[in-house]
PDB file of N, CA and C in Angstrom:
ATOM      1  N   UNK A   1     236.295 172.894  29.818  1.00  0.00           N
ATOM      2  CA  UNK A   1     235.856 174.209  30.213  1.00  0.00           C
ATOM      3  C   UNK A   1     236.817 175.237  29.633  1.00  0.00           C
ATOM      4  N   UNK A   2     236.266 176.302  29.065  1.00  0.00           N
ATOM      5  CA  UNK A   2     237.097 177.330  28.452  1.00  0.00           C
ATOM      6  C   UNK A   2     237.863 178.105  29.499  1.00  0.00           C
ATOM      7  N   UNK A   3     239.116 178.388  29.181  1.00  0.00           N
ATOM      8  CA  UNK A   3     239.939 179.229  30.023  1.00  0.00           C
ATOM      9  C   UNK A   3     239.584 180.684  29.730  1.00  0.00           C
ATOM     10  N   UNK A   4     239.502 181.541  30.748  1.00  0.00           N
ATOM     11  CA  UNK A   4     239.240 182.953  30.477  1.00  0.00           C
ATOM     12  C   UNK A   4     240.424 183.541  29.716  1.00  0.00           C
ATOM     13  N   UNK A   5     240.122 184.429  28.771  1.00  0.00           N
ATOM     14  CA  UNK A   5     241.170 185.083  27.996  1.00  0.00           C
ATOM     15  C   UNK A   5     241.877 186.096  28.883  1.00  0.00           C
ATOM     16  N   UNK A   6     243.197 186.141  28.746  1.00  0.00           N
ATOM     17  CA  UNK A   6     243.936 187.128  29.523  1.00  0.00           C
ATOM     18  C   UNK A   6     243.723 188.504  28.907  1.00  0.00           C
ATOM     19  N   UNK A   7     243.723 189.486  29.742  1.00  0.00           N
ATOM     20  CA  UNK A   7     243.516 190.863  29.299  1.00  0.00           C
ATOM     21  C   UNK A   7     244.874 191.432  28.908  1.00  0.00           C
ATOM     22  N   UNK A   8     244.987 191.967  27.668  1.00  0.00           N
ATOM     23  CA  UNK A   8     246.269 192.529  27.251  1.00  0.00           C
ATOM     24  C   UNK A   8     246.620 193.749  28.100  1.00  0.00           C
ATOM     25  N   UNK A   9     247.880 193.815  28.505  1.00  0.00           N
ATOM     26  CA  UNK A   9     248.294 194.926  29.370  1.00  0.00           C
ATOM     27  C   UNK A   9     249.233 195.886  28.667  1.00  0.00           C
ATOM     28  N   UNK A  10     250.167 195.393  27.884  1.00  0.00           N
ATOM     29  CA  UNK A  10     251.112 196.264  27.198  1.00  0.00           C
ATOM     30  C   UNK A  10     250.562 196.735  25.865  1.00  0.00           C
ATOM     31  N   UNK A  11     251.184 197.787  25.333  1.00  0.00           N
ATOM     32  CA  UNK A  11     250.755 198.355  24.050  1.00  0.00           C
ATOM     33  C   UNK A  11     250.849 197.317  22.939  1.00  0.00           C
ATOM     34  N   UNK A  12     251.937 196.548  22.902  1.00  0.00           N
ATOM     35  CA  UNK A  12     252.083 195.535  21.855  1.00  0.00           C
ATOM     36  C   UNK A  12     250.987 194.485  21.948  1.00  0.00           C
ATOM     37  N   UNK A  13     250.668 194.045  23.155  1.00  0.00           N
ATOM     38  CA  UNK A  13     249.612 193.050  23.339  1.00  0.00           C
ATOM     39  C   UNK A  13     248.266 193.607  22.903  1.00  0.00           C
ATOM     40  N   UNK A  14     248.022 194.866  23.234  1.00  0.00           N
ATOM     41  CA  UNK A  14     246.746 195.491  22.841  1.00  0.00           C
ATOM     42  C   UNK A  14     246.642 195.617  21.331  1.00  0.00           C
ATOM     43  N   UNK A  15     247.730 196.020  20.676  1.00  0.00           N
ATOM     44  CA  UNK A  15     247.716 196.139  19.217  1.00  0.00           C
ATOM     45  C   UNK A  15     247.537 194.774  18.559  1.00  0.00           C
ATOM     46  N   UNK A  16     248.191 193.761  19.102  1.00  0.00           N
ATOM     47  CA  UNK A  16     248.050 192.410  18.546  1.00  0.00           C
ATOM     48  C   UNK A  16     246.613 191.915  18.693  1.00  0.00           C
ATOM     49  N   UNK A  17     246.011 192.142  19.872  1.00  0.00           N
ATOM     50  CA  UNK A  17     244.620 191.720  20.103  1.00  0.00           C
ATOM     51  C   UNK A  17     243.676 192.475  19.187  1.00  0.00           C
ATOM     52  N   UNK A  18     243.926 193.769  19.034  1.00  0.00           N
ATOM     53  CA  UNK A  18     243.079 194.588  18.165  1.00  0.00           C
ATOM     54  C   UNK A  18     243.200 194.131  16.714  1.00  0.00           C
ATOM     55  N   UNK A  19     244.417 193.837  16.261  1.00  0.00           N
ATOM     56  CA  UNK A  19     244.640 193.372  14.901  1.00  0.00           C
ATOM     57  C   UNK A  19     243.940 192.037  14.676  1.00  0.00           C
ATOM     58  N   UNK A  20     244.011 191.146  15.653  1.00  0.00           N
ATOM     59  CA  UNK A  20     243.354 189.846  15.534  1.00  0.00           C
ATOM     60  C   UNK A  20     241.840 190.015  15.420  1.00  0.00           C
ATOM     61  N   UNK A  21     241.257 190.866  16.260  1.00  0.00           N
ATOM     62  CA  UNK A  21     239.799 191.101  16.205  1.00  0.00           C
ATOM     63  C   UNK A  21     239.400 191.738  14.887  1.00  0.00           C
ATOM     64  N   UNK A  22     240.176 192.725  14.441  1.00  0.00           N
ATOM     65  CA  UNK A  22     239.854 193.387  13.169  1.00  0.00           C
ATOM     66  C   UNK A  22     239.937 192.401  12.015  1.00  0.00           C
ATOM     67  N   UNK A  23     240.964 191.571  12.011  1.00  0.00           N
ATOM     68  CA  UNK A  23     241.107 190.569  10.954  1.00  0.00           C
ATOM     69  C   UNK A  23     239.951 189.580  11.002  1.00  0.00           C
ATOM     70  N   UNK A  24     239.590 189.141  12.200  1.00  0.00           N
ATOM     71  CA  UNK A  24     238.483 188.195  12.381  1.00  0.00           C
ATOM     72  C   UNK A  24     237.179 188.777  11.825  1.00  0.00           C
ATOM     73  N   UNK A  25     236.857 190.013  12.198  1.00  0.00           N
ATOM     74  CA  UNK A  25     235.607 190.622  11.734  1.00  0.00           C
ATOM     75  C   UNK A  25     235.635 190.879  10.229  1.00  0.00           C
ATOM     76  N   UNK A  26     236.785 191.242   9.710  1.00  0.00           N
ATOM     77  CA  UNK A  26     236.900 191.433   8.272  1.00  0.00           C
ATOM     78  C   UNK A  26     236.684 190.118   7.533  1.00  0.00           C
ATOM     79  N   UNK A  27     237.270 189.036   8.034  1.00  0.00           N
ATOM     80  CA  UNK A  27     237.095 187.733   7.409  1.00  0.00           C
ATOM     81  C   UNK A  27     235.642 187.251   7.514  1.00  0.00           C
ATOM     82  N   UNK A  28     234.973 187.570   8.622  1.00  0.00           N
ATOM     83  CA  UNK A  28     233.548 187.234   8.747  1.00  0.00           C
ATOM     84  C   UNK A  28     232.725 187.980   7.703  1.00  0.00           C
ATOM     85  N   UNK A  29     233.035 189.265   7.488  1.00  0.00           N
ATOM     86  CA  UNK A  29     232.314 190.043   6.460  1.00  0.00           C
ATOM     87  C   UNK A  29     232.532 189.440   5.075  1.00  0.00           C
ATOM     88  N   UNK A  30     233.761 189.026   4.799  1.00  0.00           N
ATOM     89  CA  UNK A  30     234.061 188.410   3.502  1.00  0.00           C
ATOM     90  C   UNK A  30     233.295 187.096   3.353  1.00  0.00           C
ATOM     91  N   UNK A  31     233.255 186.294   4.414  1.00  0.00           N
ATOM     92  CA  UNK A  31     232.524 185.019   4.370  1.00  0.00           C
ATOM     93  C   UNK A  31     231.030 185.251   4.151  1.00  0.00           C
ATOM     94  N   UNK A  32     230.468 186.277   4.812  1.00  0.00           N
ATOM     95  CA  UNK A  32     229.041 186.592   4.640  1.00  0.00           C
ATOM     96  C   UNK A  32     228.749 187.036   3.209  1.00  0.00           C
ATOM     97  N   UNK A  33     229.647 187.826   2.650  1.00  0.00           N
ATOM     98  CA  UNK A  33     229.475 188.281   1.274  1.00  0.00           C
ATOM     99  C   UNK A  33     229.556 187.109   0.297  1.00  0.00           C
ATOM    100  N   UNK A  34     230.496 186.211   0.537  1.00  0.00           N
ATOM    101  CA  UNK A  34     230.624 185.018  -0.306  1.00  0.00           C
ATOM    102  C   UNK A  34     229.362 184.159  -0.197  1.00  0.00           C
ATOM    103  N   UNK A  35     228.822 184.039   1.020  1.00  0.00           N
ATOM    104  CA  UNK A  35     227.590 183.275   1.227  1.00  0.00           C
ATOM    105  C   UNK A  35     226.450 183.863   0.388  1.00  0.00           C
ATOM    106  N   UNK A  36     226.264 185.184   0.468  1.00  0.00           N
ATOM    107  CA  UNK A  36     225.194 185.815  -0.322  1.00  0.00           C
ATOM    108  C   UNK A  36     225.393 185.579  -1.815  1.00  0.00           C
ATOM    109  N   UNK A  37     226.635 185.684  -2.274  1.00  0.00           N
ATOM    110  CA  UNK A  37     226.922 185.434  -3.688  1.00  0.00           C
ATOM    111  C   UNK A  37     226.636 184.002  -4.093  1.00  0.00           C
ATOM    112  N   UNK A  38     226.936 183.078  -3.195  1.00  0.00           N
ATOM    113  CA  UNK A  38     226.695 181.658  -3.478  1.00  0.00           C
ATOM    114  C   UNK A  38     225.209 181.322  -3.504  1.00  0.00           C
ATOM    115  N   UNK A  39     224.388 182.183  -2.922  1.00  0.00           N
ATOM    116  CA  UNK A  39     222.937 181.959  -2.895  1.00  0.00           C
ATOM    117  C   UNK A  39     222.243 182.483  -4.156  1.00  0.00           C
ATOM    118  N   UNK A  40     222.977 183.142  -5.045  1.00  0.00           N
ATOM    119  CA  UNK A  40     222.388 183.657  -6.282  1.00  0.00           C
ATOM    120  C   UNK A  40     222.403 182.586  -7.361  1.00  0.00           C
ATOM    121  N   UNK A  41     221.312 182.489  -8.109  1.00  0.00           N
ATOM    122  CA  UNK A  41     221.253 181.542  -9.214  1.00  0.00           C
ATOM    123  C   UNK A  41     220.275 182.018 -10.267  1.00  0.00           C
ATOM    124  N   UNK A  42     220.454 181.512 -11.454  1.00  0.00           N
ATOM    125  CA  UNK A  42     219.559 181.822 -12.549  1.00  0.00           C
ATOM    126  C   UNK A  42     218.588 180.686 -12.791  1.00  0.00           C
ATOM    127  N   UNK A  43     217.344 181.037 -13.158  1.00  0.00           N
ATOM    128  CA  UNK A  43     216.331 180.027 -13.456  1.00  0.00           C
ATOM    129  C   UNK A  43     215.227 180.694 -14.260  1.00  0.00           C
ATOM    130  N   UNK A  44     214.800 180.098 -15.339  1.00  0.00           N
ATOM    131  CA  UNK A  44     213.698 180.584 -16.188  1.00  0.00           C
ATOM    132  C   UNK A  44     213.865 182.038 -16.604  1.00  0.00           C
ATOM    133  N   UNK A  45     215.087 182.434 -16.862  1.00  0.00           N
ATOM    134  CA  UNK A  45     215.338 183.792 -17.327  1.00  0.00           C
ATOM    135  C   UNK A  45     215.408 184.826 -16.217  1.00  0.00           C
ATOM    136  N   UNK A  46     215.334 184.394 -14.971  1.00  0.00           N
ATOM    137  CA  UNK A  46     215.420 185.322 -13.852  1.00  0.00           C
ATOM    138  C   UNK A  46     216.639 185.039 -13.005  1.00  0.00           C
ATOM    139  N   UNK A  47     216.972 185.988 -12.159  1.00  0.00           N
ATOM    140  CA  UNK A  47     218.069 185.839 -11.195  1.00  0.00           C
ATOM    141  C   UNK A  47     217.471 185.833  -9.812  1.00  0.00           C
ATOM    142  N   UNK A  48     217.734 184.780  -9.055  1.00  0.00           N
ATOM    143  CA  UNK A  48     217.087 184.610  -7.758  1.00  0.00           C
ATOM    144  C   UNK A  48     218.105 184.494  -6.635  1.00  0.00           C
ATOM    145  N   UNK A  49     217.709 184.998  -5.472  1.00  0.00           N
ATOM    146  CA  UNK A  49     218.492 184.842  -4.258  1.00  0.00           C
ATOM    147  C   UNK A  49     217.805 183.767  -3.430  1.00  0.00           C
ATOM    148  N   UNK A  50     218.508 182.665  -3.206  1.00  0.00           N
ATOM    149  CA  UNK A  50     217.957 181.570  -2.397  1.00  0.00           C
ATOM    150  C   UNK A  50     217.930 182.020  -0.941  1.00  0.00           C
ATOM    151  N   UNK A  51     216.728 182.098  -0.372  1.00  0.00           N
ATOM    152  CA  UNK A  51     216.551 182.520   1.014  1.00  0.00           C
ATOM    153  C   UNK A  51     215.566 181.572   1.697  1.00  0.00           C
ATOM    154  N   UNK A  52     215.589 181.531   3.025  1.00  0.00           N
ATOM    155  CA  UNK A  52     214.586 180.713   3.720  1.00  0.00           C
ATOM    156  C   UNK A  52     213.161 181.164   3.392  1.00  0.00           C
ATOM    157  N   UNK A  53     212.962 182.453   3.186  1.00  0.00           N
ATOM    158  CA  UNK A  53     211.618 182.955   2.862  1.00  0.00           C
ATOM    159  C   UNK A  53     211.141 182.424   1.515  1.00  0.00           C
ATOM    160  N   UNK A  54     212.030 182.448   0.513  1.00  0.00           N
ATOM    161  CA  UNK A  54     211.653 181.933  -0.803  1.00  0.00           C
ATOM    162  C   UNK A  54     211.404 180.428  -0.726  1.00  0.00           C
ATOM    163  N   UNK A  55     212.235 179.720  -0.003  1.00  0.00           N
ATOM    164  CA  UNK A  55     212.042 178.275   0.163  1.00  0.00           C
ATOM    165  C   UNK A  55     210.707 177.995   0.852  1.00  0.00           C
ATOM    166  N   UNK A  56     210.379 178.776   1.869  1.00  0.00           N
ATOM    167  CA  UNK A  56     209.100 178.616   2.566  1.00  0.00           C
ATOM    168  C   UNK A  56     207.915 178.887   1.648  1.00  0.00           C
ATOM    169  N   UNK A  57     208.016 179.944   0.833  1.00  0.00           N
ATOM    170  CA  UNK A  57     206.938 180.269  -0.108  1.00  0.00           C
ATOM    171  C   UNK A  57     206.745 179.134  -1.114  1.00  0.00           C
ATOM    172  N   UNK A  58     207.857 178.638  -1.656  1.00  0.00           N
ATOM    173  CA  UNK A  58     207.766 177.551  -2.634  1.00  0.00           C
ATOM    174  C   UNK A  58     207.204 176.285  -1.996  1.00  0.00           C
ATOM    175  N   UNK A  59     207.609 176.017  -0.767  1.00  0.00           N
ATOM    176  CA  UNK A  59     207.082 174.851  -0.049  1.00  0.00           C
ATOM    177  C   UNK A  59     205.564 174.976   0.120  1.00  0.00           C
ATOM    178  N   UNK A  60     205.117 176.181   0.487  1.00  0.00           N
ATOM    179  CA  UNK A  60     203.667 176.407   0.630  1.00  0.00           C
ATOM    180  C   UNK A  60     202.946 176.140  -0.689  1.00  0.00           C
ATOM    181  N   UNK A  61     203.482 176.670  -1.782  1.00  0.00           N
ATOM    182  CA  UNK A  61     202.843 176.466  -3.084  1.00  0.00           C
ATOM    183  C   UNK A  61     202.780 174.974  -3.437  1.00  0.00           C
ATOM    184  N   UNK A  62     203.841 174.240  -3.095  1.00  0.00           N
ATOM    185  CA  UNK A  62     203.848 172.804  -3.386  1.00  0.00           C
ATOM    186  C   UNK A  62     202.856 172.050  -2.509  1.00  0.00           C
ATOM    187  N   UNK A  63     202.656 172.493  -1.265  1.00  0.00           N
ATOM    188  CA  UNK A  63     201.706 171.792  -0.381  1.00  0.00           C
ATOM    189  C   UNK A  63     200.263 171.989  -0.823  1.00  0.00           C
ATOM    190  N   UNK A  64     199.991 173.048  -1.586  1.00  0.00           N
ATOM    191  CA  UNK A  64     198.638 173.233  -2.111  1.00  0.00           C
ATOM    192  C   UNK A  64     198.533 172.695  -3.539  1.00  0.00           C
ATOM    193  N   UNK A  65     199.537 171.857  -3.903  1.00  0.00           N
ATOM    194  CA  UNK A  65     199.572 171.172  -5.200  1.00  0.00           C
ATOM    195  C   UNK A  65     199.693 172.088  -6.410  1.00  0.00           C
ATOM    196  N   UNK A  66     200.307 173.248  -6.232  1.00  0.00           N
ATOM    197  CA  UNK A  66     200.577 174.120  -7.380  1.00  0.00           C
ATOM    198  C   UNK A  66     201.737 173.517  -8.156  1.00  0.00           C
ATOM    199  N   UNK A  67     201.668 173.613  -9.476  1.00  0.00           N
ATOM    200  CA  UNK A  67     202.789 173.123 -10.274  1.00  0.00           C
ATOM    201  C   UNK A  67     203.529 174.272 -10.951  1.00  0.00           C
ATOM    202  N   UNK A  68     202.989 175.479 -10.830  1.00  0.00           N
ATOM    203  CA  UNK A  68     203.635 176.674 -11.387  1.00  0.00           C
ATOM    204  C   UNK A  68     203.236 177.888 -10.558  1.00  0.00           C
ATOM    205  N   UNK A  69     204.064 178.906 -10.623  1.00  0.00           N
ATOM    206  CA  UNK A  69     203.780 180.139  -9.891  1.00  0.00           C
ATOM    207  C   UNK A  69     204.593 181.274 -10.492  1.00  0.00           C
ATOM    208  N   UNK A  70     204.265 182.481 -10.112  1.00  0.00           N
ATOM    209  CA  UNK A  70     205.035 183.659 -10.523  1.00  0.00           C
ATOM    210  C   UNK A  70     205.777 184.150  -9.285  1.00  0.00           C
ATOM    211  N   UNK A  71     207.074 184.382  -9.468  1.00  0.00           N
ATOM    212  CA  UNK A  71     207.931 184.810  -8.368  1.00  0.00           C
ATOM    213  C   UNK A  71     208.706 186.048  -8.822  1.00  0.00           C
ATOM    214  N   UNK A  72     208.870 187.005  -7.902  1.00  0.00           N
ATOM    215  CA  UNK A  72     209.724 188.153  -8.197  1.00  0.00           C
ATOM    216  C   UNK A  72     211.176 187.725  -8.061  1.00  0.00           C
ATOM    217  N   UNK A  73     211.986 188.054  -9.074  1.00  0.00           N
ATOM    218  CA  UNK A  73     213.396 187.703  -8.993  1.00  0.00           C
ATOM    219  C   UNK A  73     214.164 188.790  -8.234  1.00  0.00           C
ATOM    220  N   UNK A  74     215.480 188.656  -8.165  1.00  0.00           N
ATOM    221  CA  UNK A  74     216.318 189.589  -7.407  1.00  0.00           C
ATOM    222  C   UNK A  74     216.266 191.011  -7.969  1.00  0.00           C
ATOM    223  N   UNK A  75     215.854 191.155  -9.217  1.00  0.00           N
ATOM    224  CA  UNK A  75     215.726 192.477  -9.839  1.00  0.00           C
ATOM    225  C   UNK A  75     214.306 193.029  -9.747  1.00  0.00           C
ATOM    226  N   UNK A  76     213.431 192.316  -9.042  1.00  0.00           N
ATOM    227  CA  UNK A  76     212.052 192.760  -8.894  1.00  0.00           C
ATOM    228  C   UNK A  76     211.180 192.473 -10.097  1.00  0.00           C
ATOM    229  N   UNK A  77     211.625 191.593 -10.976  1.00  0.00           N
ATOM    230  CA  UNK A  77     210.855 191.252 -12.165  1.00  0.00           C
ATOM    231  C   UNK A  77     210.045 189.989 -11.924  1.00  0.00           C
ATOM    232  N   UNK A  78     208.781 189.977 -12.357  1.00  0.00           N
ATOM    233  CA  UNK A  78     207.970 188.759 -12.192  1.00  0.00           C
ATOM    234  C   UNK A  78     208.403 187.698 -13.203  1.00  0.00           C
ATOM    235  N   UNK A  79     208.683 186.505 -12.693  1.00  0.00           N
ATOM    236  CA  UNK A  79     209.137 185.400 -13.538  1.00  0.00           C
ATOM    237  C   UNK A  79     208.185 184.229 -13.333  1.00  0.00           C
ATOM    238  N   UNK A  80     207.668 183.693 -14.436  1.00  0.00           N
ATOM    239  CA  UNK A  80     206.803 182.518 -14.369  1.00  0.00           C
ATOM    240  C   UNK A  80     207.676 181.286 -14.193  1.00  0.00           C
ATOM    241  N   UNK A  81     207.396 180.547 -13.138  1.00  0.00           N
ATOM    242  CA  UNK A  81     208.101 179.297 -12.860  1.00  0.00           C
ATOM    243  C   UNK A  81     207.154 178.165 -13.236  1.00  0.00           C
ATOM    244  N   UNK A  82     207.447 177.521 -14.370  1.00  0.00           N
ATOM    245  CA  UNK A  82     206.599 176.437 -14.865  1.00  0.00           C
ATOM    246  C   UNK A  82     206.835 175.126 -14.138  1.00  0.00           C
ATOM    247  N   UNK A  83     208.043 174.905 -13.679  1.00  0.00           N
ATOM    248  CA  UNK A  83     208.396 173.654 -13.015  1.00  0.00           C
ATOM    249  C   UNK A  83     208.725 173.958 -11.558  1.00  0.00           C
ATOM    250  N   UNK A  84     207.687 174.050 -10.761  1.00  0.00           N
ATOM    251  CA  UNK A  84     207.824 174.464  -9.369  1.00  0.00           C
ATOM    252  C   UNK A  84     208.695 173.500  -8.561  1.00  0.00           C
ATOM    253  N   UNK A  85     208.513 172.201  -8.727  1.00  0.00           N
ATOM    254  CA  UNK A  85     209.300 171.235  -7.959  1.00  0.00           C
ATOM    255  C   UNK A  85     210.781 171.333  -8.313  1.00  0.00           C
ATOM    256  N   UNK A  86     211.091 171.469  -9.593  1.00  0.00           N
ATOM    257  CA  UNK A  86     212.499 171.595 -10.012  1.00  0.00           C
ATOM    258  C   UNK A  86     213.118 172.863  -9.435  1.00  0.00           C
ATOM    259  N   UNK A  87     212.360 173.954  -9.461  1.00  0.00           N
ATOM    260  CA  UNK A  87     212.844 175.223  -8.912  1.00  0.00           C
ATOM    261  C   UNK A  87     213.085 175.096  -7.412  1.00  0.00           C
ATOM    262  N   UNK A  88     212.151 174.463  -6.720  1.00  0.00           N
ATOM    263  CA  UNK A  88     212.290 174.264  -5.279  1.00  0.00           C
ATOM    264  C   UNK A  88     213.533 173.433  -4.969  1.00  0.00           C
ATOM    265  N   UNK A  89     213.757 172.376  -5.726  1.00  0.00           N
ATOM    266  CA  UNK A  89     214.919 171.525  -5.504  1.00  0.00           C
ATOM    267  C   UNK A  89     216.222 172.306  -5.693  1.00  0.00           C
ATOM    268  N   UNK A  90     216.286 173.113  -6.744  1.00  0.00           N
ATOM    269  CA  UNK A  90     217.501 173.880  -7.035  1.00  0.00           C
ATOM    270  C   UNK A  90     217.722 174.971  -5.999  1.00  0.00           C
ATOM    271  N   UNK A  91     216.667 175.702  -5.656  1.00  0.00           N
ATOM    272  CA  UNK A  91     216.779 176.785  -4.665  1.00  0.00           C
ATOM    273  C   UNK A  91     217.198 176.225  -3.317  1.00  0.00           C
ATOM    274  N   UNK A  92     216.561 175.161  -2.892  1.00  0.00           N
ATOM    275  CA  UNK A  92     216.854 174.556  -1.595  1.00  0.00           C
ATOM    276  C   UNK A  92     218.286 174.021  -1.553  1.00  0.00           C
ATOM    277  N   UNK A  93     218.692 173.332  -2.581  1.00  0.00           N
ATOM    278  CA  UNK A  93     220.040 172.781  -2.652  1.00  0.00           C
ATOM    279  C   UNK A  93     221.088 173.896  -2.651  1.00  0.00           C
ATOM    280  N   UNK A  94     220.858 174.925  -3.432  1.00  0.00           N
ATOM    281  CA  UNK A  94     221.784 176.058  -3.501  1.00  0.00           C
ATOM    282  C   UNK A  94     221.945 176.708  -2.141  1.00  0.00           C
ATOM    283  N   UNK A  95     220.820 176.948  -1.469  1.00  0.00           N
ATOM    284  CA  UNK A  95     220.863 177.606  -0.158  1.00  0.00           C
ATOM    285  C   UNK A  95     221.607 176.751   0.862  1.00  0.00           C
ATOM    286  N   UNK A  96     221.277 175.467   0.933  1.00  0.00           N
ATOM    287  CA  UNK A  96     221.884 174.622   1.958  1.00  0.00           C
ATOM    288  C   UNK A  96     223.371 174.365   1.704  1.00  0.00           C
ATOM    289  N   UNK A  97     223.775 174.248   0.457  1.00  0.00           N
ATOM    290  CA  UNK A  97     225.196 174.099   0.149  1.00  0.00           C
ATOM    291  C   UNK A  97     225.967 175.360   0.551  1.00  0.00           C
ATOM    292  N   UNK A  98     225.404 176.519   0.220  1.00  0.00           N
ATOM    293  CA  UNK A  98     226.050 177.787   0.582  1.00  0.00           C
ATOM    294  C   UNK A  98     226.100 177.962   2.093  1.00  0.00           C
ATOM    295  N   UNK A  99     225.028 177.600   2.781  1.00  0.00           N
ATOM    296  CA  UNK A  99     224.976 177.723   4.236  1.00  0.00           C
ATOM    297  C   UNK A  99     225.994 176.804   4.908  1.00  0.00           C
ATOM    298  N   UNK A 100     226.131 175.584   4.408  1.00  0.00           N
ATOM    299  CA  UNK A 100     227.121 174.659   4.968  1.00  0.00           C
ATOM    300  C   UNK A 100     228.536 175.195   4.803  1.00  0.00           C
ATOM    301  N   UNK A 101     228.849 175.759   3.628  1.00  0.00           N
ATOM    302  CA  UNK A 101     230.176 176.342   3.403  1.00  0.00           C
ATOM    303  C   UNK A 101     230.406 177.545   4.324  1.00  0.00           C
ATOM    304  N   UNK A 102     229.405 178.374   4.487  1.00  0.00           N
ATOM    305  CA  UNK A 102     229.494 179.546   5.355  1.00  0.00           C
ATOM    306  C   UNK A 102     229.729 179.110   6.804  1.00  0.00           C
ATOM    307  N   UNK A 103     229.000 178.106   7.245  1.00  0.00           N
ATOM    308  CA  UNK A 103     229.160 177.580   8.596  1.00  0.00           C
ATOM    309  C   UNK A 103     230.583 177.061   8.808  1.00  0.00           C
ATOM    310  N   UNK A 104     231.065 176.253   7.858  1.00  0.00           N
ATOM    311  CA  UNK A 104     232.414 175.702   7.965  1.00  0.00           C
ATOM    312  C   UNK A 104     233.457 176.816   8.049  1.00  0.00           C
ATOM    313  N   UNK A 105     233.276 177.858   7.255  1.00  0.00           N
ATOM    314  CA  UNK A 105     234.218 178.985   7.274  1.00  0.00           C
ATOM    315  C   UNK A 105     234.171 179.712   8.621  1.00  0.00           C
ATOM    316  N   UNK A 106     232.992 179.906   9.165  1.00  0.00           N
ATOM    317  CA  UNK A 106     232.868 180.567  10.464  1.00  0.00           C
ATOM    318  C   UNK A 106     233.524 179.742  11.567  1.00  0.00           C
ATOM    319  N   UNK A 107     233.363 178.435  11.521  1.00  0.00           N
ATOM    320  CA  UNK A 107     234.008 177.553  12.509  1.00  0.00           C
ATOM    321  C   UNK A 107     235.527 177.648  12.366  1.00  0.00           C
ATOM    322  N   UNK A 108     236.023 177.632  11.128  1.00  0.00           N
ATOM    323  CA  UNK A 108     237.459 177.744  10.894  1.00  0.00           C
ATOM    324  C   UNK A 108     237.998 179.054  11.462  1.00  0.00           C
ATOM    325  N   UNK A 109     237.275 180.135  11.241  1.00  0.00           N
ATOM    326  CA  UNK A 109     237.713 181.441  11.741  1.00  0.00           C
ATOM    327  C   UNK A 109     237.708 181.481  13.264  1.00  0.00           C
ATOM    328  N   UNK A 110     236.688 180.896  13.887  1.00  0.00           N
ATOM    329  CA  UNK A 110     236.629 180.878  15.350  1.00  0.00           C
ATOM    330  C   UNK A 110     237.807 180.134  15.953  1.00  0.00           C
ATOM    331  N   UNK A 111     238.239 179.081  15.273  1.00  0.00           N
ATOM    332  CA  UNK A 111     239.345 178.272  15.791  1.00  0.00           C
ATOM    333  C   UNK A 111     240.706 178.906  15.529  1.00  0.00           C
ATOM    334  N   UNK A 112     240.762 179.853  14.603  1.00  0.00           N
ATOM    335  CA  UNK A 112     242.028 180.510  14.282  1.00  0.00           C
ATOM    336  C   UNK A 112     242.380 181.498  15.379  1.00  0.00           C
ATOM    337  N   UNK A 113     243.629 181.516  15.746  1.00  0.00           N
ATOM    338  CA  UNK A 113     244.071 182.419  16.807  1.00  0.00           C
ATOM    339  C   UNK A 113     244.955 183.548  16.289  1.00  0.00           C
ATOM    340  N   UNK A 114     245.427 183.440  15.062  1.00  0.00           N
ATOM    341  CA  UNK A 114     246.300 184.496  14.550  1.00  0.00           C
ATOM    342  C   UNK A 114     245.737 185.031  13.239  1.00  0.00           C
ATOM    343  N   UNK A 115     246.006 186.306  12.921  1.00  0.00           N
ATOM    344  CA  UNK A 115     245.521 186.873  11.662  1.00  0.00           C
ATOM    345  C   UNK A 115     246.001 186.084  10.446  1.00  0.00           C
ATOM    346  N   UNK A 116     247.219 185.532  10.511  1.00  0.00           N
ATOM    347  CA  UNK A 116     247.750 184.766   9.397  1.00  0.00           C
ATOM    348  C   UNK A 116     246.920 183.522   9.143  1.00  0.00           C
ATOM    349  N   UNK A 117     246.532 182.813  10.204  1.00  0.00           N
ATOM    350  CA  UNK A 117     245.714 181.595  10.042  1.00  0.00           C
ATOM    351  C   UNK A 117     244.315 181.942   9.530  1.00  0.00           C
ATOM    352  N   UNK A 118     243.799 183.120   9.908  1.00  0.00           N
ATOM    353  CA  UNK A 118     242.443 183.491   9.502  1.00  0.00           C
ATOM    354  C   UNK A 118     242.339 183.736   8.009  1.00  0.00           C
ATOM    355  N   UNK A 119     243.390 184.256   7.394  1.00  0.00           N
ATOM    356  CA  UNK A 119     243.294 184.601   5.991  1.00  0.00           C
ATOM    357  C   UNK A 119     243.778 183.490   5.067  1.00  0.00           C
ATOM    358  N   UNK A 120     244.213 182.346   5.639  1.00  0.00           N
ATOM    359  CA  UNK A 120     244.582 181.211   4.806  1.00  0.00           C
ATOM    360  C   UNK A 120     243.347 180.649   4.126  1.00  0.00           C
ATOM    361  N   UNK A 121     243.508 180.266   2.891  1.00  0.00           N
ATOM    362  CA  UNK A 121     242.379 179.736   2.129  1.00  0.00           C
ATOM    363  C   UNK A 121     242.186 178.282   2.445  1.00  0.00           C
TER     364      UNK A 121
END
């Protein structure tokens, strides 16, 4: 069972708690940005962001036995995907690898208690 956190009473304790929270939130923002960057990939001359929505769309196209489709890339350009299964495999793998790394980083940050431990690579 988790112990309740003590409430900081002195100025030094308040500043330390505030610094820890600020560092934690900053590190979370950095991890989220890294996650988004890790979800970007190139395929068939386009740049794509691997998202659950794109994976769902590709899955739908595969369930209706489509072997090719046109998809808007991250720049809003229509790109013909000739090898739908290969694209789905790459997009899905990219997304899940990035998500696993993001999750691991978030767990590491939650377990860190000091700003120094949070910013360790």
